[in-house]
Amino acid sequence: MNVTRREGLKLLASATIASLPVTRAIGQAGSSSPKTRLILLGTGGGPTPLPTRNQPASVLLINGEPYLVDAGNGVGRQLVLAGVGLQRVGKIFVTHHHDDHNADLGTLMGLAWSNGRSEQIDAYGPTGTRDMISAYKQYFQPNATVRMKYDGRSADPASLFNGHDVTSGTIYSDINVKVTAVENTHYPNQGHDGDKHHLSLSYRFDTKDRSVVFSGDTAASEQLIALAKDADVLVHEVIHVERTTDLFTKKFAEQGRSPQEAKRVLDAVIAIHTSVEQVGEVAAAARVKTVVLNHFVPGFDPTMTDEMWAGGVRKKFAGKIIVGRDLMEI
């Protein structure tokens, strides 16, 4: 079917209008909320694209300034749906280097620049973040060359995109926020591999009106409990062990793989994540006001209800429990 330019513009306008209620609903939710707004952009766990949850990412809007935590695949689209212009993104914090958390890190920088950003963009994360951004600048160069030649762009992205390798401690601060990181327990043996040390980080954002902690991916962690002490909000990953066990066992059987192999893989997955009951224990020990469940494993299971996620947490934690969803504002 041939579509004229005028018809195409009408279709584009219709699509834009259709998307407005989502953005407006988020904006209305935040109109009476604190100056620090939290929006969950993607809440699914794992590198497999899911039909109902995007890959992990969240954004804190602090006095209108966006601070992004993780950049899973599709984060640019999720930001647009949340009403956050890509050109506004200047600070990105990556918890660890699994591709469901960093797949669109460089891509987001590039899209921000292509959509008009001419100021610096900084990404903070474990060792390897700086090298990733350096490599991305090479990957992005052909696009940047053409746009600078024909689109009138003068700001060279090679000088704007910056990666910073960070460890535990205060890793960033400005007029809006102080960001503190600790190493968590996502990797076996704390990520020690000979002379290498692979870091997985949790972050705390302290602003004038709220304290928000992101667990990142981790097993139950004493370091995280200390970081989250008395926080207003703890955004914590979660695995439902029983349902994950059922799904893994069925999947491996269908693939003709042995029960022994299924158990080995399943045990490894469970060991590096936090069960619903353990999330409750962490939240109670940290005395947080609200725990927000995030990075769901399994990320897609139509049989799971919100109560199945929250019920296990409630056994150990008496505070507020929110079962996160994509584009939810808290």
Protein backbone atom coordinates (compact mmCIF):
# COMPACT_ATOMS: atom_id res chain seq x y z
CA MET A 1 0.00 0.00 0.00
CA ASN A 2 1.37 3.44 -0.98
CA VAL A 3 1.01 6.12 1.67
CA THR A 4 1.24 9.79 0.74
CA ARG A 5 3.23 12.22 2.86
CA ARG A 6 0.01 13.87 4.07
CA GLU A 7 -1.48 10.50 5.03
CA GLY A 8 1.76 9.60 6.77
CA LEU A 9 1.62 12.79 8.82
CA LYS A 10 -1.97 12.00 9.81
CA LEU A 11 -0.94 8.52 10.94
CA LEU A 12 1.95 9.99 12.91
CA ALA A 13 -0.35 12.49 14.59
CA SER A 14 -2.82 9.75 15.47
CA ALA A 15 -0.06 7.63 16.96
CA THR A 16 1.20 10.58 19.00
CA ILE A 17 -2.28 11.32 20.35
CA ALA A 18 -2.76 7.64 21.19
CA SER A 19 0.42 7.68 23.27
CA LEU A 20 -0.50 10.79 25.26
CA PRO A 21 -2.64 9.16 27.99
CA VAL A 22 0.35 7.08 29.16
CA THR A 23 2.61 10.10 29.50
CA ARG A 24 -0.14 12.25 30.96
CA ALA A 25 -1.00 9.63 33.56
CA ILE A 26 2.60 9.56 34.68
CA GLY A 27 2.75 13.34 34.79
CA GLN A 28 -0.46 13.57 36.80
CA ALA A 29 0.82 10.97 39.26
CA GLY A 30 3.87 13.09 39.85
CA SER A 31 2.06 16.42 40.19
CA SER A 32 1.47 15.93 43.92
CA SER A 33 4.53 13.73 44.51
CA PRO A 34 7.87 14.80 46.03
CA LYS A 35 10.46 16.73 44.04
CA THR A 36 12.25 13.40 43.63
CA ARG A 37 10.16 11.25 41.29
CA LEU A 38 10.92 7.59 40.61
CA ILE A 39 9.71 5.95 37.39
CA LEU A 40 10.31 2.29 36.64
CA LEU A 41 11.12 2.05 32.95
CA GLY A 42 11.81 -1.67 32.68
CA THR A 43 11.14 -4.35 35.28
CA GLY A 44 11.90 -7.67 33.57
CA GLY A 45 14.84 -9.85 34.55
CA GLY A 46 17.24 -11.51 32.13
CA PRO A 47 18.49 -10.86 28.59
CA THR A 48 15.50 -12.42 26.78
CA PRO A 49 13.04 -9.82 25.40
CA LEU A 50 9.70 -10.22 27.18
CA PRO A 51 6.15 -9.49 25.98
CA THR A 52 5.02 -7.63 29.11
CA ARG A 53 8.15 -6.15 30.71
CA ASN A 54 11.02 -4.16 29.29
CA GLN A 55 14.62 -4.82 30.29
CA PRO A 56 15.90 -3.20 33.50
CA ALA A 57 16.04 0.59 33.78
CA SER A 58 14.70 3.25 36.13
CA VAL A 59 14.83 7.01 36.15
CA LEU A 60 14.90 9.43 39.05
CA LEU A 61 13.66 12.90 38.19
CA ILE A 62 15.16 15.22 40.78
CA ASN A 63 13.98 18.79 40.44
CA GLY A 64 13.21 17.85 36.85
CA GLU A 65 16.72 16.50 36.12
CA PRO A 66 16.84 12.84 35.00
CA TYR A 67 19.26 10.35 36.58
CA LEU A 68 19.09 6.95 34.91
CA VAL A 69 19.85 3.65 36.61
CA ASP A 70 20.71 0.88 34.12
CA ALA A 71 20.04 0.93 30.40
CA GLY A 72 18.58 -2.34 29.19
CA ASN A 73 17.38 -2.84 25.64
CA GLY A 74 14.57 -0.44 24.72
CA VAL A 75 15.32 2.15 27.38
CA GLY A 76 15.10 5.03 24.89
CA ARG A 77 11.53 4.17 23.98
CA GLN A 78 10.59 3.73 27.63
CA LEU A 79 11.95 7.18 28.47
CA VAL A 80 9.84 8.71 25.71
CA LEU A 81 6.74 6.88 27.00
CA ALA A 82 7.54 8.25 30.46
CA GLY A 83 7.64 11.78 29.08
CA VAL A 84 11.40 12.20 29.45
CA GLY A 85 13.04 13.67 26.34
CA LEU A 86 16.16 11.76 25.32
CA GLN A 87 18.11 15.00 24.90
CA ARG A 88 17.73 15.58 28.66
CA VAL A 89 19.71 12.48 29.67
CA GLY A 90 23.11 13.44 31.06
CA LYS A 91 23.79 10.98 33.92
CA ILE A 92 23.59 7.18 33.69
CA PHE A 93 24.50 4.71 36.46
CA VAL A 94 25.07 1.06 35.53
CA THR A 95 24.86 -1.55 38.28
CA HIS A 96 26.79 -4.32 36.51
CA HIS A 97 27.83 -5.59 33.11
CA HIS A 98 25.12 -8.03 32.17
CA ASP A 99 23.56 -7.07 28.88
CA ASP A 100 20.03 -6.82 30.21
CA HIS A 101 21.39 -3.87 32.23
CA ASN A 102 23.78 -2.22 29.76
CA ALA A 103 22.72 -3.28 26.24
CA ASP A 104 21.55 0.23 25.30
CA LEU A 105 24.07 2.24 27.30
CA GLY A 106 25.94 3.58 24.30
CA THR A 107 22.83 3.59 22.13
CA LEU A 108 21.06 5.87 24.61
CA MET A 109 23.95 8.33 24.48
CA GLY A 110 23.84 8.32 20.72
CA LEU A 111 20.08 8.81 20.60
CA ALA A 112 20.32 11.66 23.09
CA TRP A 113 22.88 13.40 20.86
CA SER A 114 20.91 12.70 17.66
CA ASN A 115 17.86 14.22 19.34
CA GLY A 116 19.65 17.47 20.06
CA ARG A 117 21.81 17.08 23.16
CA SER A 118 25.01 19.12 22.93
CA GLU A 119 26.10 18.79 26.56
CA GLN A 120 28.22 16.15 28.20
CA ILE A 121 26.78 12.68 28.97
CA ASP A 122 28.43 10.68 31.75
CA ALA A 123 28.04 6.98 32.48
CA TYR A 124 29.18 5.58 35.83
CA GLY A 125 29.60 1.88 36.49
CA PRO A 126 31.96 -0.97 37.39
CA THR A 127 35.29 -1.52 35.69
CA GLY A 128 34.73 -1.77 31.96
CA THR A 129 32.32 1.17 31.70
CA ARG A 130 34.98 3.53 30.40
CA ASP A 131 36.14 1.00 27.79
CA MET A 132 32.56 0.39 26.65
CA ILE A 133 31.96 4.08 26.02
CA SER A 134 35.30 4.46 24.28
CA ALA A 135 34.41 1.58 21.95
CA TYR A 136 30.91 2.96 21.40
CA LYS A 137 32.30 6.29 20.24
CA GLN A 138 34.13 4.43 17.46
CA TYR A 139 30.96 2.53 16.58
CA PHE A 140 28.95 5.77 16.52
CA GLN A 141 31.45 7.76 14.45
CA PRO A 142 29.99 7.06 10.97
CA ASN A 143 26.56 8.25 12.11
CA ALA A 144 28.06 11.29 13.84
CA THR A 145 30.09 12.20 10.74
CA VAL A 146 27.04 12.18 8.47
CA ARG A 147 24.84 14.10 10.90
CA MET A 148 27.52 16.71 11.53
CA LYS A 149 28.01 17.11 7.79
CA TYR A 150 24.36 17.30 6.72
CA ASP A 151 22.26 18.03 9.83
CA GLY A 152 24.09 21.11 11.03
CA ARG A 153 25.36 19.48 14.22
CA SER A 154 28.50 21.11 15.61
CA ALA A 155 28.91 19.36 18.98
CA ASP A 156 31.23 16.38 18.47
CA PRO A 157 29.93 13.35 20.43
CA ALA A 158 33.50 12.07 20.79
CA SER A 159 34.07 14.88 23.29
CA LEU A 160 30.66 14.57 24.98
CA PHE A 161 30.34 10.84 25.75
CA ASN A 162 32.26 9.85 28.90
CA GLY A 163 32.55 6.61 30.86
CA HIS A 164 33.72 6.41 34.47
CA ASP A 165 34.80 3.25 36.31
CA VAL A 166 33.70 3.42 39.95
CA THR A 167 33.90 1.27 43.08
CA SER A 168 32.36 1.49 46.55
CA GLY A 169 31.93 4.91 48.18
CA THR A 170 30.52 8.27 47.11
CA ILE A 171 30.76 8.17 43.34
CA TYR A 172 28.86 11.30 42.32
CA SER A 173 27.30 14.44 43.77
CA ASP A 174 25.78 17.67 42.53
CA ILE A 175 23.28 20.26 43.74
CA ASN A 176 20.45 17.71 43.50
CA VAL A 177 21.84 14.43 44.79
CA LYS A 178 24.60 12.40 46.39
CA VAL A 179 25.13 8.91 44.96
CA THR A 180 26.78 6.19 47.04
CA ALA A 181 27.74 2.72 45.80
CA VAL A 182 28.52 -0.58 47.51
CA GLU A 183 29.56 -3.92 46.09
CA ASN A 184 26.79 -6.50 46.37
CA THR A 185 26.80 -10.29 46.07
CA HIS A 186 25.54 -10.95 42.55
CA TYR A 187 28.66 -12.73 41.34
CA PRO A 188 30.00 -15.96 42.87
CA ASN A 189 33.04 -15.40 45.10
CA GLN A 190 32.31 -11.65 45.01
CA GLY A 191 33.44 -11.57 41.41
CA HIS A 192 37.05 -12.52 42.15
CA ASP A 193 38.57 -14.31 39.17
CA GLY A 194 42.31 -14.67 39.55
CA ASP A 195 43.76 -11.18 39.27
CA LYS A 196 40.42 -9.81 38.00
CA HIS A 197 37.58 -8.49 40.12
CA HIS A 198 34.18 -8.16 38.45
CA LEU A 199 32.06 -5.66 40.37
CA SER A 200 28.31 -5.64 40.78
CA LEU A 201 27.06 -2.50 42.51
CA SER A 202 24.05 -1.25 44.45
CA TYR A 203 23.35 2.51 44.51
CA ARG A 204 21.81 4.92 46.99
CA PHE A 205 20.51 8.33 45.87
CA ASP A 206 20.09 10.88 48.66
CA THR A 207 18.17 14.03 47.77
CA LYS A 208 16.65 16.77 49.91
CA ASP A 209 13.29 15.01 50.14
CA ARG A 210 13.91 11.28 49.55
CA SER A 211 16.43 8.49 49.75
CA VAL A 212 16.10 5.82 47.06
CA VAL A 213 18.21 2.66 46.91
CA PHE A 214 18.60 0.33 43.92
CA SER A 215 19.76 -3.18 44.71
CA GLY A 216 20.82 -4.02 41.18
CA ASP A 217 21.13 -7.77 40.72
CA THR A 218 22.25 -9.47 43.92
CA ALA A 219 21.75 -12.28 46.34
CA ALA A 220 20.74 -11.21 49.85
CA SER A 221 23.48 -8.77 50.80
CA GLU A 222 24.68 -7.37 54.13
CA GLN A 223 26.40 -4.56 52.26
CA LEU A 224 23.10 -3.60 50.67
CA ILE A 225 21.33 -3.68 54.04
CA ALA A 226 23.88 -1.21 55.40
CA LEU A 227 23.53 1.01 52.33
CA ALA A 228 19.72 1.02 52.56
CA LYS A 229 19.43 1.81 56.28
CA ASP A 230 16.29 3.90 56.91
CA ALA A 231 15.83 4.65 53.21
CA ASP A 232 12.46 5.86 51.97
CA VAL A 233 12.41 3.47 49.03
CA LEU A 234 14.32 0.26 48.27
CA VAL A 235 13.97 -0.94 44.67
CA HIS A 236 14.96 -4.59 44.92
CA GLU A 237 15.32 -7.41 42.42
CA VAL A 238 13.40 -10.62 43.13
CA ILE A 239 13.23 -14.26 42.12
CA HIS A 240 10.26 -16.52 42.79
CA VAL A 241 12.10 -19.76 43.47
CA GLU A 242 9.16 -22.16 43.15
CA ARG A 243 7.88 -20.82 39.83
CA THR A 244 11.41 -20.48 38.44
CA THR A 245 12.11 -24.09 39.40
CA ASP A 246 8.93 -25.29 37.68
CA LEU A 247 9.64 -23.35 34.50
CA PHE A 248 13.33 -24.33 34.32
CA THR A 249 12.56 -27.99 34.88
CA LYS A 250 9.90 -28.02 32.16
CA LYS A 251 12.08 -26.08 29.70
CA PHE A 252 15.09 -28.35 30.14
CA ALA A 253 12.96 -31.48 29.80
CA GLU A 254 11.50 -30.16 26.53
CA GLN A 255 15.04 -29.53 25.27
CA GLY A 256 16.09 -33.07 26.16
CA ARG A 257 18.59 -31.95 28.75
CA SER A 258 19.18 -34.03 31.85
CA PRO A 259 17.64 -33.33 35.27
CA GLN A 260 21.15 -33.07 36.67
CA GLU A 261 22.01 -30.27 34.24
CA ALA A 262 18.73 -28.53 34.98
CA LYS A 263 19.45 -28.62 38.72
CA ARG A 264 23.01 -27.32 38.23
CA VAL A 265 21.87 -24.33 36.17
CA LEU A 266 18.88 -23.65 38.42
CA ASP A 267 20.99 -23.73 41.60
CA ALA A 268 23.42 -21.25 40.03
CA VAL A 269 20.62 -18.86 39.07
CA ILE A 270 18.94 -18.99 42.48
CA ALA A 271 22.26 -18.45 44.27
CA ILE A 272 22.86 -15.03 42.67
CA HIS A 273 19.37 -13.59 43.13
CA THR A 274 17.11 -12.77 46.09
CA SER A 275 13.98 -14.78 46.87
CA VAL A 276 10.72 -13.09 47.86
CA GLU A 277 11.23 -14.06 51.51
CA GLN A 278 14.84 -12.81 51.47
CA VAL A 279 13.74 -9.46 50.02
CA GLY A 280 11.45 -9.13 53.02
CA GLU A 281 14.32 -9.92 55.38
CA VAL A 282 16.60 -7.36 53.70
CA ALA A 283 13.91 -4.65 53.79
CA ALA A 284 13.12 -5.34 57.45
CA ALA A 285 16.77 -5.36 58.48
CA ALA A 286 17.36 -2.06 56.67
CA ARG A 287 14.19 -0.54 58.18
CA VAL A 288 13.14 0.93 54.83
CA LYS A 289 9.70 2.51 54.50
CA THR A 290 8.79 1.04 51.12
CA VAL A 291 10.14 -1.87 49.09
CA VAL A 292 9.51 -1.93 45.34
CA LEU A 293 9.89 -5.28 43.62
CA ASN A 294 11.81 -5.10 40.36
CA HIS A 295 13.78 -7.27 37.90
CA PHE A 296 11.33 -10.15 38.16
CA VAL A 297 12.53 -13.72 37.63
CA PRO A 298 10.63 -15.25 35.96
CA GLY A 299 9.97 -12.07 34.02
CA PHE A 300 7.05 -13.52 32.10
CA ASP A 301 4.68 -16.03 33.68
CA PRO A 302 0.96 -15.42 33.09
CA THR A 303 0.10 -17.55 36.13
CA MET A 304 1.86 -15.19 38.53
CA THR A 305 -0.25 -12.66 40.45
CA ASP A 306 0.93 -9.60 42.35
CA GLU A 307 0.02 -11.34 45.59
CA MET A 308 2.27 -14.27 44.73
CA TRP A 309 5.17 -11.82 44.56
CA ALA A 310 4.22 -9.68 47.54
CA GLY A 311 3.02 -12.48 49.82
CA GLY A 312 6.47 -13.92 50.46
CA VAL A 313 7.92 -10.47 51.15
CA ARG A 314 5.09 -9.72 53.59
CA LYS A 315 6.06 -12.72 55.72
CA LYS A 316 9.21 -10.87 56.75
CA PHE A 317 8.46 -7.17 56.16
CA ALA A 318 5.64 -5.11 57.66
CA GLY A 319 6.18 -1.96 55.60
CA LYS A 320 4.73 -0.94 52.25
CA ILE A 321 5.26 -3.36 49.35
CA ILE A 322 4.84 -2.36 45.71
CA VAL A 323 4.93 -4.89 42.88
CA GLY A 324 6.63 -2.91 40.15
CA ARG A 325 5.43 -2.55 36.59
CA ASP A 326 6.89 -0.79 33.57
CA LEU A 327 6.17 2.98 33.57
CA MET A 328 4.93 2.96 37.15
CA GLU A 329 5.73 6.13 39.09
CA ILE A 330 6.47 5.85 42.81
